């Protein structure tokens, strides 16, 4: 995905969790079930967009968002970064992030 297309996707009026991952990455494979459970638990309030950092079409995104390690998760809403994390995270921690954001106007 090129940067222009990506910016169109993240600018929508919904929350989008972008998972920058690599197919060879063990922690990336491990966190996938957490991300799937998170999206299911959120009931459509948050969508998930996986981005393979090794795919040549995604290199512009990787460079633009300075992805240095995988997995890296970035939560967007209306084109703004609300939260970013590199490394493995638990389902409960991810849900806590959303709860904290819901208490601020930045989430809406």
PDB file of N, CA and C in Angstrom:
ATOM      1  N   UNK A   1       0.862  -1.171   0.000  1.00  0.00           N
ATOM      2  CA  UNK A   1       0.000   0.000   0.000  1.00  0.00           C
ATOM      3  C   UNK A   1       0.908   1.233   0.000  1.00  0.00           C
ATOM      4  N   UNK A   2       0.594   2.176  -0.852  1.00  0.00           N
ATOM      5  CA  UNK A   2       1.409   3.390  -0.857  1.00  0.00           C
ATOM      6  C   UNK A   2       0.878   4.370   0.200  1.00  0.00           C
ATOM      7  N   UNK A   3       1.661   5.400   0.442  1.00  0.00           N
ATOM      8  CA  UNK A   3       1.340   6.343   1.509  1.00  0.00           C
ATOM      9  C   UNK A   3       0.028   7.074   1.269  1.00  0.00           C
ATOM     10  N   UNK A   4      -0.248   7.453   0.042  1.00  0.00           N
ATOM     11  CA  UNK A   4      -1.495   8.163  -0.271  1.00  0.00           C
ATOM     12  C   UNK A   4      -2.713   7.297   0.013  1.00  0.00           C
ATOM     13  N   UNK A   5      -2.680   6.045  -0.438  1.00  0.00           N
ATOM     14  CA  UNK A   5      -3.790   5.128  -0.173  1.00  0.00           C
ATOM     15  C   UNK A   5      -3.956   4.893   1.324  1.00  0.00           C
ATOM     16  N   UNK A   6      -2.841   4.733   2.025  1.00  0.00           N
ATOM     17  CA  UNK A   6      -2.886   4.506   3.459  1.00  0.00           C
ATOM     18  C   UNK A   6      -3.504   5.697   4.179  1.00  0.00           C
ATOM     19  N   UNK A   7      -3.114   6.898   3.804  1.00  0.00           N
ATOM     20  CA  UNK A   7      -3.672   8.088   4.441  1.00  0.00           C
ATOM     21  C   UNK A   7      -5.169   8.203   4.200  1.00  0.00           C
ATOM     22  N   UNK A   8      -5.641   7.766   3.059  1.00  0.00           N
ATOM     23  CA  UNK A   8      -7.085   7.745   2.801  1.00  0.00           C
ATOM     24  C   UNK A   8      -7.787   6.754   3.721  1.00  0.00           C
ATOM     25  N   UNK A   9      -7.171   5.612   3.948  1.00  0.00           N
ATOM     26  CA  UNK A   9      -7.758   4.581   4.814  1.00  0.00           C
ATOM     27  C   UNK A   9      -7.808   5.063   6.268  1.00  0.00           C
ATOM     28  N   UNK A  10      -6.720   5.664   6.757  1.00  0.00           N
ATOM     29  CA  UNK A  10      -6.681   6.061   8.172  1.00  0.00           C
ATOM     30  C   UNK A  10      -7.456   7.335   8.463  1.00  0.00           C
ATOM     31  N   UNK A  11      -7.856   8.049   7.437  1.00  0.00           N
ATOM     32  CA  UNK A  11      -8.565   9.312   7.668  1.00  0.00           C
ATOM     33  C   UNK A  11     -10.061   9.126   7.917  1.00  0.00           C
ATOM     34  N   UNK A  12     -10.537   7.920   7.803  1.00  0.00           N
ATOM     35  CA  UNK A  12     -11.963   7.658   8.013  1.00  0.00           C
ATOM     36  C   UNK A  12     -12.346   7.915   9.476  1.00  0.00           C
ATOM     37  N   UNK A  13     -13.635   8.112   9.701  1.00  0.00           N
ATOM     38  CA  UNK A  13     -14.162   8.400  11.037  1.00  0.00           C
ATOM     39  C   UNK A  13     -14.423   7.103  11.793  1.00  0.00           C
ATOM     40  N   UNK A  14     -13.365   6.364  12.022  1.00  0.00           N
ATOM     41  CA  UNK A  14     -13.423   5.134  12.797  1.00  0.00           C
ATOM     42  C   UNK A  14     -12.031   4.860  13.336  1.00  0.00           C
ATOM     43  N   UNK A  15     -11.936   4.013  14.311  1.00  0.00           N
ATOM     44  CA  UNK A  15     -10.630   3.648  14.854  1.00  0.00           C
ATOM     45  C   UNK A  15     -10.063   2.495  14.048  1.00  0.00           C
ATOM     46  N   UNK A  16      -8.784   2.602  13.749  1.00  0.00           N
ATOM     47  CA  UNK A  16      -8.096   1.596  12.953  1.00  0.00           C
ATOM     48  C   UNK A  16      -6.790   1.248  13.649  1.00  0.00           C
ATOM     49  N   UNK A  17      -6.637  -0.028  13.990  1.00  0.00           N
ATOM     50  CA  UNK A  17      -5.413  -0.517  14.600  1.00  0.00           C
ATOM     51  C   UNK A  17      -4.566  -1.126  13.499  1.00  0.00           C
ATOM     52  N   UNK A  18      -3.402  -0.533  13.256  1.00  0.00           N
ATOM     53  CA  UNK A  18      -2.510  -1.018  12.211  1.00  0.00           C
ATOM     54  C   UNK A  18      -1.434  -1.871  12.869  1.00  0.00           C
ATOM     55  N   UNK A  19      -1.289  -3.084  12.370  1.00  0.00           N
ATOM     56  CA  UNK A  19      -0.310  -4.047  12.863  1.00  0.00           C
ATOM     57  C   UNK A  19       0.816  -4.146  11.843  1.00  0.00           C
ATOM     58  N   UNK A  20       1.945  -3.520  12.137  1.00  0.00           N
ATOM     59  CA  UNK A  20       3.129  -3.660  11.301  1.00  0.00           C
ATOM     60  C   UNK A  20       3.842  -4.923  11.769  1.00  0.00           C
ATOM     61  N   UNK A  21       3.922  -5.912  10.890  1.00  0.00           N
ATOM     62  CA  UNK A  21       4.438  -7.228  11.254  1.00  0.00           C
ATOM     63  C   UNK A  21       5.354  -7.758  10.152  1.00  0.00           C
ATOM     64  N   UNK A  22       5.993  -8.897  10.438  1.00  0.00           N
ATOM     65  CA  UNK A  22       6.770  -9.628   9.444  1.00  0.00           C
ATOM     66  C   UNK A  22       6.416 -11.102   9.574  1.00  0.00           C
ATOM     67  N   UNK A  23       6.376 -11.788   8.458  1.00  0.00           N
ATOM     68  CA  UNK A  23       5.973 -13.200   8.471  1.00  0.00           C
ATOM     69  C   UNK A  23       6.967 -14.077   9.229  1.00  0.00           C
ATOM     70  N   UNK A  24       8.224 -13.690   9.278  1.00  0.00           N
ATOM     71  CA  UNK A  24       9.263 -14.466   9.955  1.00  0.00           C
ATOM     72  C   UNK A  24       9.311 -14.203  11.458  1.00  0.00           C
ATOM     73  N   UNK A  25       8.560 -13.250  11.934  1.00  0.00           N
ATOM     74  CA  UNK A  25       8.629 -12.761  13.317  1.00  0.00           C
ATOM     75  C   UNK A  25       7.756 -13.606  14.247  1.00  0.00           C
ATOM     76  N   UNK A  26       8.394 -14.302  15.195  1.00  0.00           N
ATOM     77  CA  UNK A  26       7.668 -15.116  16.165  1.00  0.00           C
ATOM     78  C   UNK A  26       6.706 -14.315  17.026  1.00  0.00           C
ATOM     79  N   UNK A  27       7.154 -13.203  17.621  1.00  0.00           N
ATOM     80  CA  UNK A  27       6.228 -12.391  18.413  1.00  0.00           C
ATOM     81  C   UNK A  27       5.045 -11.864  17.589  1.00  0.00           C
ATOM     82  N   UNK A  28       5.274 -11.599  16.313  1.00  0.00           N
ATOM     83  CA  UNK A  28       4.179 -11.141  15.440  1.00  0.00           C
ATOM     84  C   UNK A  28       3.121 -12.231  15.293  1.00  0.00           C
ATOM     85  N   UNK A  29       3.569 -13.461  15.138  1.00  0.00           N
ATOM     86  CA  UNK A  29       2.619 -14.584  15.031  1.00  0.00           C
ATOM     87  C   UNK A  29       1.904 -14.792  16.359  1.00  0.00           C
ATOM     88  N   UNK A  30       2.629 -14.630  17.455  1.00  0.00           N
ATOM     89  CA  UNK A  30       2.042 -14.827  18.787  1.00  0.00           C
ATOM     90  C   UNK A  30       0.972 -13.791  19.104  1.00  0.00           C
ATOM     91  N   UNK A  31       1.194 -12.562  18.689  1.00  0.00           N
ATOM     92  CA  UNK A  31       0.255 -11.486  19.017  1.00  0.00           C
ATOM     93  C   UNK A  31      -0.987 -11.514  18.116  1.00  0.00           C
ATOM     94  N   UNK A  32      -0.940 -12.246  17.032  1.00  0.00           N
ATOM     95  CA  UNK A  32      -2.069 -12.257  16.090  1.00  0.00           C
ATOM     96  C   UNK A  32      -3.364 -12.701  16.762  1.00  0.00           C
ATOM     97  N   UNK A  33      -3.306 -13.714  17.613  1.00  0.00           N
ATOM     98  CA  UNK A  33      -4.532 -14.173  18.287  1.00  0.00           C
ATOM     99  C   UNK A  33      -5.046 -13.109  19.256  1.00  0.00           C
ATOM    100  N   UNK A  34      -4.145 -12.355  19.871  1.00  0.00           N
ATOM    101  CA  UNK A  34      -4.537 -11.250  20.753  1.00  0.00           C
ATOM    102  C   UNK A  34      -5.263 -10.186  19.943  1.00  0.00           C
ATOM    103  N   UNK A  35      -4.722  -9.849  18.781  1.00  0.00           N
ATOM    104  CA  UNK A  35      -5.335  -8.822  17.938  1.00  0.00           C
ATOM    105  C   UNK A  35      -6.703  -9.259  17.425  1.00  0.00           C
ATOM    106  N   UNK A  36      -6.807 -10.517  17.014  1.00  0.00           N
ATOM    107  CA  UNK A  36      -8.105 -11.028  16.555  1.00  0.00           C
ATOM    108  C   UNK A  36      -9.137 -10.986  17.678  1.00  0.00           C
ATOM    109  N   UNK A  37      -8.732 -11.389  18.887  1.00  0.00           N
ATOM    110  CA  UNK A  37      -9.637 -11.357  20.038  1.00  0.00           C
ATOM    111  C   UNK A  37     -10.025  -9.916  20.376  1.00  0.00           C
ATOM    112  N   UNK A  38      -9.087  -9.001  20.258  1.00  0.00           N
ATOM    113  CA  UNK A  38      -9.342  -7.590  20.532  1.00  0.00           C
ATOM    114  C   UNK A  38     -10.394  -7.028  19.575  1.00  0.00           C
ATOM    115  N   UNK A  39     -10.209  -7.282  18.294  1.00  0.00           N
ATOM    116  CA  UNK A  39     -11.152  -6.772  17.294  1.00  0.00           C
ATOM    117  C   UNK A  39     -12.539  -7.363  17.527  1.00  0.00           C
ATOM    118  N   UNK A  40     -12.601  -8.652  17.834  1.00  0.00           N
ATOM    119  CA  UNK A  40     -13.890  -9.292  18.117  1.00  0.00           C
ATOM    120  C   UNK A  40     -14.525  -8.680  19.358  1.00  0.00           C
ATOM    121  N   UNK A  41     -13.731  -8.465  20.376  1.00  0.00           N
ATOM    122  CA  UNK A  41     -14.228  -7.911  21.642  1.00  0.00           C
ATOM    123  C   UNK A  41     -14.746  -6.483  21.460  1.00  0.00           C
ATOM    124  N   UNK A  42     -14.131  -5.738  20.561  1.00  0.00           N
ATOM    125  CA  UNK A  42     -14.527  -4.354  20.329  1.00  0.00           C
ATOM    126  C   UNK A  42     -15.802  -4.254  19.499  1.00  0.00           C
ATOM    127  N   UNK A  43     -16.262  -5.342  18.939  1.00  0.00           N
ATOM    128  CA  UNK A  43     -17.551  -5.366  18.256  1.00  0.00           C
ATOM    129  C   UNK A  43     -17.669  -4.396  17.098  1.00  0.00           C
ATOM    130  N   UNK A  44     -16.613  -4.240  16.325  1.00  0.00           N
ATOM    131  CA  UNK A  44     -16.672  -3.370  15.158  1.00  0.00           C
ATOM    132  C   UNK A  44     -16.262  -1.937  15.412  1.00  0.00           C
ATOM    133  N   UNK A  45     -15.984  -1.574  16.660  1.00  0.00           N
ATOM    134  CA  UNK A  45     -15.555  -0.210  16.963  1.00  0.00           C
ATOM    135  C   UNK A  45     -14.133   0.064  16.490  1.00  0.00           C
ATOM    136  N   UNK A  46     -13.338  -0.989  16.396  1.00  0.00           N
ATOM    137  CA  UNK A  46     -11.952  -0.873  15.944  1.00  0.00           C
ATOM    138  C   UNK A  46     -11.725  -1.910  14.855  1.00  0.00           C
ATOM    139  N   UNK A  47     -11.165  -1.463  13.742  1.00  0.00           N
ATOM    140  CA  UNK A  47     -10.796  -2.378  12.664  1.00  0.00           C
ATOM    141  C   UNK A  47      -9.300  -2.629  12.734  1.00  0.00           C
ATOM    142  N   UNK A  48      -8.878  -3.764  12.178  1.00  0.00           N
ATOM    143  CA  UNK A  48      -7.472  -4.148  12.169  1.00  0.00           C
ATOM    144  C   UNK A  48      -6.962  -4.151  10.743  1.00  0.00           C
ATOM    145  N   UNK A  49      -5.803  -3.540  10.541  1.00  0.00           N
ATOM    146  CA  UNK A  49      -5.158  -3.528   9.237  1.00  0.00           C
ATOM    147  C   UNK A  49      -3.732  -4.046   9.395  1.00  0.00           C
ATOM    148  N   UNK A  50      -3.465  -5.285   8.958  1.00  0.00           N
ATOM    149  CA  UNK A  50      -2.104  -5.803   9.025  1.00  0.00           C
ATOM    150  C   UNK A  50      -1.277  -5.299   7.839  1.00  0.00           C
ATOM    151  N   UNK A  51      -0.049  -4.878   8.116  1.00  0.00           N
ATOM    152  CA  UNK A  51       0.875  -4.391   7.099  1.00  0.00           C
ATOM    153  C   UNK A  51       2.183  -5.174   7.230  1.00  0.00           C
ATOM    154  N   UNK A  52       2.519  -5.940   6.198  1.00  0.00           N
ATOM    155  CA  UNK A  52       3.755  -6.717   6.173  1.00  0.00           C
ATOM    156  C   UNK A  52       4.914  -5.767   5.859  1.00  0.00           C
ATOM    157  N   UNK A  53       5.826  -5.585   6.801  1.00  0.00           N
ATOM    158  CA  UNK A  53       6.918  -4.627   6.622  1.00  0.00           C
ATOM    159  C   UNK A  53       7.915  -5.065   5.557  1.00  0.00           C
ATOM    160  N   UNK A  54       7.927  -6.334   5.224  1.00  0.00           N
ATOM    161  CA  UNK A  54       8.875  -6.836   4.235  1.00  0.00           C
ATOM    162  C   UNK A  54       8.348  -6.774   2.811  1.00  0.00           C
ATOM    163  N   UNK A  55       7.086  -6.482   2.642  1.00  0.00           N
ATOM    164  CA  UNK A  55       6.516  -6.397   1.296  1.00  0.00           C
ATOM    165  C   UNK A  55       6.935  -5.070   0.679  1.00  0.00           C
ATOM    166  N   UNK A  56       7.468  -5.142  -0.514  1.00  0.00           N
ATOM    167  CA  UNK A  56       8.035  -3.942  -1.150  1.00  0.00           C
ATOM    168  C   UNK A  56       7.023  -2.813  -1.305  1.00  0.00           C
ATOM    169  N   UNK A  57       5.752  -3.121  -1.489  1.00  0.00           N
ATOM    170  CA  UNK A  57       4.738  -2.069  -1.650  1.00  0.00           C
ATOM    171  C   UNK A  57       4.509  -1.282  -0.362  1.00  0.00           C
ATOM    172  N   UNK A  58       4.911  -1.839   0.772  1.00  0.00           N
ATOM    173  CA  UNK A  58       4.683  -1.187   2.063  1.00  0.00           C
ATOM    174  C   UNK A  58       5.890  -0.406   2.565  1.00  0.00           C
ATOM    175  N   UNK A  59       6.972  -0.409   1.822  1.00  0.00           N
ATOM    176  CA  UNK A  59       8.213   0.213   2.291  1.00  0.00           C
ATOM    177  C   UNK A  59       8.062   1.709   2.577  1.00  0.00           C
ATOM    178  N   UNK A  60       7.274   2.392   1.790  1.00  0.00           N
ATOM    179  CA  UNK A  60       7.047   3.820   2.009  1.00  0.00           C
ATOM    180  C   UNK A  60       6.379   4.057   3.373  1.00  0.00           C
ATOM    181  N   UNK A  61       5.444   3.193   3.737  1.00  0.00           N
ATOM    182  CA  UNK A  61       4.779   3.312   5.046  1.00  0.00           C
ATOM    183  C   UNK A  61       5.750   3.034   6.184  1.00  0.00           C
ATOM    184  N   UNK A  62       6.535   1.985   6.012  1.00  0.00           N
ATOM    185  CA  UNK A  62       7.517   1.604   7.031  1.00  0.00           C
ATOM    186  C   UNK A  62       8.484   2.758   7.281  1.00  0.00           C
ATOM    187  N   UNK A  63       8.938   3.375   6.215  1.00  0.00           N
ATOM    188  CA  UNK A  63       9.860   4.505   6.357  1.00  0.00           C
ATOM    189  C   UNK A  63       9.163   5.717   6.974  1.00  0.00           C
ATOM    190  N   UNK A  64       7.980   6.031   6.490  1.00  0.00           N
ATOM    191  CA  UNK A  64       7.257   7.216   6.956  1.00  0.00           C
ATOM    192  C   UNK A  64       6.942   7.144   8.460  1.00  0.00           C
ATOM    193  N   UNK A  65       6.523   5.974   8.930  1.00  0.00           N
ATOM    194  CA  UNK A  65       6.155   5.818  10.337  1.00  0.00           C
ATOM    195  C   UNK A  65       7.315   5.300  11.189  1.00  0.00           C
ATOM    196  N   UNK A  66       8.486   5.248  10.587  1.00  0.00           N
ATOM    197  CA  UNK A  66       9.716   4.861  11.288  1.00  0.00           C
ATOM    198  C   UNK A  66       9.550   3.565  12.068  1.00  0.00           C
ATOM    199  N   UNK A  67       9.107   2.554  11.377  1.00  0.00           N
ATOM    200  CA  UNK A  67       8.949   1.240  11.993  1.00  0.00           C
ATOM    201  C   UNK A  67      10.327   0.600  12.081  1.00  0.00           C
ATOM    202  N   UNK A  68      10.832   0.463  13.303  1.00  0.00           N
ATOM    203  CA  UNK A  68      12.172  -0.078  13.532  1.00  0.00           C
ATOM    204  C   UNK A  68      12.141  -1.503  14.069  1.00  0.00           C
ATOM    205  N   UNK A  69      11.006  -1.900  14.630  1.00  0.00           N
ATOM    206  CA  UNK A  69      10.887  -3.256  15.151  1.00  0.00           C
ATOM    207  C   UNK A  69       9.458  -3.740  14.944  1.00  0.00           C
ATOM    208  N   UNK A  70       9.332  -5.043  14.948  1.00  0.00           N
ATOM    209  CA  UNK A  70       8.015  -5.653  14.781  1.00  0.00           C
ATOM    210  C   UNK A  70       7.777  -6.625  15.927  1.00  0.00           C
ATOM    211  N   UNK A  71       6.551  -6.759  16.343  1.00  0.00           N
ATOM    212  CA  UNK A  71       5.377  -6.032  15.873  1.00  0.00           C
ATOM    213  C   UNK A  71       5.340  -4.606  16.416  1.00  0.00           C
ATOM    214  N   UNK A  72       4.829  -3.711  15.606  1.00  0.00           N
ATOM    215  CA  UNK A  72       4.524  -2.354  16.034  1.00  0.00           C
ATOM    216  C   UNK A  72       3.053  -2.107  15.731  1.00  0.00           C
ATOM    217  N   UNK A  73       2.335  -1.676  16.739  1.00  0.00           N
ATOM    218  CA  UNK A  73       0.913  -1.380  16.607  1.00  0.00           C
ATOM    219  C   UNK A  73       0.720   0.127  16.693  1.00  0.00           C
ATOM    220  N   UNK A  74      -0.096   0.662  15.788  1.00  0.00           N
ATOM    221  CA  UNK A  74      -0.439   2.082  15.826  1.00  0.00           C
ATOM    222  C   UNK A  74      -1.958   2.191  15.694  1.00  0.00           C
ATOM    223  N   UNK A  75      -2.574   2.895  16.624  1.00  0.00           N
ATOM    224  CA  UNK A  75      -4.010   3.125  16.602  1.00  0.00           C
ATOM    225  C   UNK A  75      -4.271   4.508  16.021  1.00  0.00           C
ATOM    226  N   UNK A  76      -5.048   4.554  14.934  1.00  0.00           N
ATOM    227  CA  UNK A  76      -5.388   5.796  14.253  1.00  0.00           C
ATOM    228  C   UNK A  76      -6.876   6.080  14.396  1.00  0.00           C
ATOM    229  N   UNK A  77      -7.202   7.347  14.376  1.00  0.00           N
ATOM    230  CA  UNK A  77      -8.589   7.804  14.264  1.00  0.00           C
ATOM    231  C   UNK A  77      -8.554   9.140  13.530  1.00  0.00           C
ATOM    232  N   UNK A  78      -9.321   9.213  12.445  1.00  0.00           N
ATOM    233  CA  UNK A  78      -9.389  10.425  11.623  1.00  0.00           C
ATOM    234  C   UNK A  78      -7.992  10.914  11.231  1.00  0.00           C
ATOM    235  N   UNK A  79      -7.100   9.988  10.933  1.00  0.00           N
ATOM    236  CA  UNK A  79      -5.763  10.325  10.472  1.00  0.00           C
ATOM    237  C   UNK A  79      -4.763  10.651  11.561  1.00  0.00           C
ATOM    238  N   UNK A  80      -5.216  10.678  12.819  1.00  0.00           N
ATOM    239  CA  UNK A  80      -4.335  10.998  13.940  1.00  0.00           C
ATOM    240  C   UNK A  80      -3.869   9.726  14.631  1.00  0.00           C
ATOM    241  N   UNK A  81      -2.618   9.740  15.075  1.00  0.00           N
ATOM    242  CA  UNK A  81      -2.109   8.637  15.884  1.00  0.00           C
ATOM    243  C   UNK A  81      -2.569   8.873  17.322  1.00  0.00           C
ATOM    244  N   UNK A  82      -3.319   7.903  17.842  1.00  0.00           N
ATOM    245  CA  UNK A  82      -3.782   7.997  19.228  1.00  0.00           C
ATOM    246  C   UNK A  82      -2.878   7.233  20.182  1.00  0.00           C
ATOM    247  N   UNK A  83      -2.210   6.196  19.646  1.00  0.00           N
ATOM    248  CA  UNK A  83      -1.407   5.328  20.502  1.00  0.00           C
ATOM    249  C   UNK A  83      -0.465   4.528  19.617  1.00  0.00           C
ATOM    250  N   UNK A  84       0.699   4.199  20.166  1.00  0.00           N
ATOM    251  CA  UNK A  84       1.687   3.409  19.436  1.00  0.00           C
ATOM    252  C   UNK A  84       2.428   2.522  20.430  1.00  0.00           C
ATOM    253  N   UNK A  85       2.720   1.287  19.994  1.00  0.00           N
ATOM    254  CA  UNK A  85       3.435   0.341  20.851  1.00  0.00           C
ATOM    255  C   UNK A  85       4.252  -0.604  19.984  1.00  0.00           C
ATOM    256  N   UNK A  86       5.471  -0.852  20.406  1.00  0.00           N
ATOM    257  CA  UNK A  86       6.299  -1.862  19.751  1.00  0.00           C
ATOM    258  C   UNK A  86       6.489  -3.022  20.712  1.00  0.00           C
ATOM    259  N   UNK A  87       6.342  -4.228  20.200  1.00  0.00           N
ATOM    260  CA  UNK A  87       6.484  -5.416  21.031  1.00  0.00           C
ATOM    261  C   UNK A  87       5.142  -6.057  21.306  1.00  0.00           C
ATOM    262  N   UNK A  88       5.205  -7.140  22.030  1.00  0.00           N
ATOM    263  CA  UNK A  88       4.005  -7.919  22.352  1.00  0.00           C
ATOM    264  C   UNK A  88       3.221  -7.215  23.456  1.00  0.00           C
ATOM    265  N   UNK A  89       1.916  -7.301  23.352  1.00  0.00           N
ATOM    266  CA  UNK A  89       1.018  -6.714  24.343  1.00  0.00           C
ATOM    267  C   UNK A  89      -0.105  -7.713  24.608  1.00  0.00           C
ATOM    268  N   UNK A  90      -0.612  -7.731  25.815  1.00  0.00           N
ATOM    269  CA  UNK A  90      -1.702  -8.650  26.146  1.00  0.00           C
ATOM    270  C   UNK A  90      -3.044  -8.041  25.743  1.00  0.00           C
ATOM    271  N   UNK A  91      -4.033  -8.890  25.652  1.00  0.00           N
ATOM    272  CA  UNK A  91      -5.388  -8.432  25.345  1.00  0.00           C
ATOM    273  C   UNK A  91      -5.864  -7.440  26.398  1.00  0.00           C
ATOM    274  N   UNK A  92      -5.632  -7.745  27.660  1.00  0.00           N
ATOM    275  CA  UNK A  92      -6.090  -6.857  28.732  1.00  0.00           C
ATOM    276  C   UNK A  92      -5.414  -5.486  28.645  1.00  0.00           C
ATOM    277  N   UNK A  93      -4.126  -5.466  28.337  1.00  0.00           N
ATOM    278  CA  UNK A  93      -3.431  -4.180  28.197  1.00  0.00           C
ATOM    279  C   UNK A  93      -3.977  -3.388  27.016  1.00  0.00           C
ATOM    280  N   UNK A  94      -4.275  -4.069  25.929  1.00  0.00           N
ATOM    281  CA  UNK A  94      -4.829  -3.396  24.760  1.00  0.00           C
ATOM    282  C   UNK A  94      -6.215  -2.835  25.067  1.00  0.00           C
ATOM    283  N   UNK A  95      -7.025  -3.592  25.783  1.00  0.00           N
ATOM    284  CA  UNK A  95      -8.339  -3.095  26.190  1.00  0.00           C
ATOM    285  C   UNK A  95      -8.210  -1.917  27.151  1.00  0.00           C
ATOM    286  N   UNK A  96      -7.204  -1.947  28.018  1.00  0.00           N
ATOM    287  CA  UNK A  96      -6.957  -0.818  28.929  1.00  0.00           C
ATOM    288  C   UNK A  96      -6.622   0.448  28.150  1.00  0.00           C
ATOM    289  N   UNK A  97      -5.869   0.306  27.077  1.00  0.00           N
ATOM    290  CA  UNK A  97      -5.529   1.461  26.240  1.00  0.00           C
ATOM    291  C   UNK A  97      -6.802   2.101  25.711  1.00  0.00           C
ATOM    292  N   UNK A  98      -7.717   1.287  25.206  1.00  0.00           N
ATOM    293  CA  UNK A  98      -8.979   1.812  24.666  1.00  0.00           C
ATOM    294  C   UNK A  98      -9.796   2.466  25.767  1.00  0.00           C
ATOM    295  N   UNK A  99      -9.852   1.838  26.930  1.00  0.00           N
ATOM    296  CA  UNK A  99     -10.601   2.426  28.053  1.00  0.00           C
ATOM    297  C   UNK A  99     -10.049   3.798  28.419  1.00  0.00           C
ATOM    298  N   UNK A 100      -8.734   3.919  28.455  1.00  0.00           N
ATOM    299  CA  UNK A 100      -8.121   5.208  28.779  1.00  0.00           C
ATOM    300  C   UNK A 100      -8.411   6.242  27.698  1.00  0.00           C
ATOM    301  N   UNK A 101      -8.353   5.828  26.445  1.00  0.00           N
ATOM    302  CA  UNK A 101      -8.631   6.754  25.352  1.00  0.00           C
ATOM    303  C   UNK A 101     -10.093   7.186  25.343  1.00  0.00           C
ATOM    304  N   UNK A 102     -10.988   6.287  25.731  1.00  0.00           N
ATOM    305  CA  UNK A 102     -12.408   6.634  25.780  1.00  0.00           C
ATOM    306  C   UNK A 102     -12.680   7.737  26.796  1.00  0.00           C
ATOM    307  N   UNK A 103     -11.828   7.838  27.802  1.00  0.00           N
ATOM    308  CA  UNK A 103     -12.008   8.873  28.819  1.00  0.00           C
ATOM    309  C   UNK A 103     -11.518  10.237  28.358  1.00  0.00           C
ATOM    310  N   UNK A 104     -10.838  10.267  27.237  1.00  0.00           N
ATOM    311  CA  UNK A 104     -10.333  11.537  26.715  1.00  0.00           C
ATOM    312  C   UNK A 104     -11.086  11.892  25.446  1.00  0.00           C
ATOM    313  N   UNK A 105     -11.080  13.131  25.125  1.00  0.00           N
ATOM    314  CA  UNK A 105     -11.736  13.569  23.897  1.00  0.00           C
ATOM    315  C   UNK A 105     -10.983  13.136  22.660  1.00  0.00           C
ATOM    316  N   UNK A 106      -9.723  12.786  22.799  1.00  0.00           N
ATOM    317  CA  UNK A 106      -8.899  12.414  21.646  1.00  0.00           C
ATOM    318  C   UNK A 106      -9.452  11.179  20.937  1.00  0.00           C
ATOM    319  N   UNK A 107     -10.162  10.327  21.651  1.00  0.00           N
ATOM    320  CA  UNK A 107     -10.674   9.102  21.044  1.00  0.00           C
ATOM    321  C   UNK A 107     -11.875   9.375  20.158  1.00  0.00           C
ATOM    322  N   UNK A 108     -12.613  10.416  20.433  1.00  0.00           N
ATOM    323  CA  UNK A 108     -13.854  10.671  19.701  1.00  0.00           C
ATOM    324  C   UNK A 108     -13.648  11.525  18.492  1.00  0.00           C
TER     325      UNK A 108
END
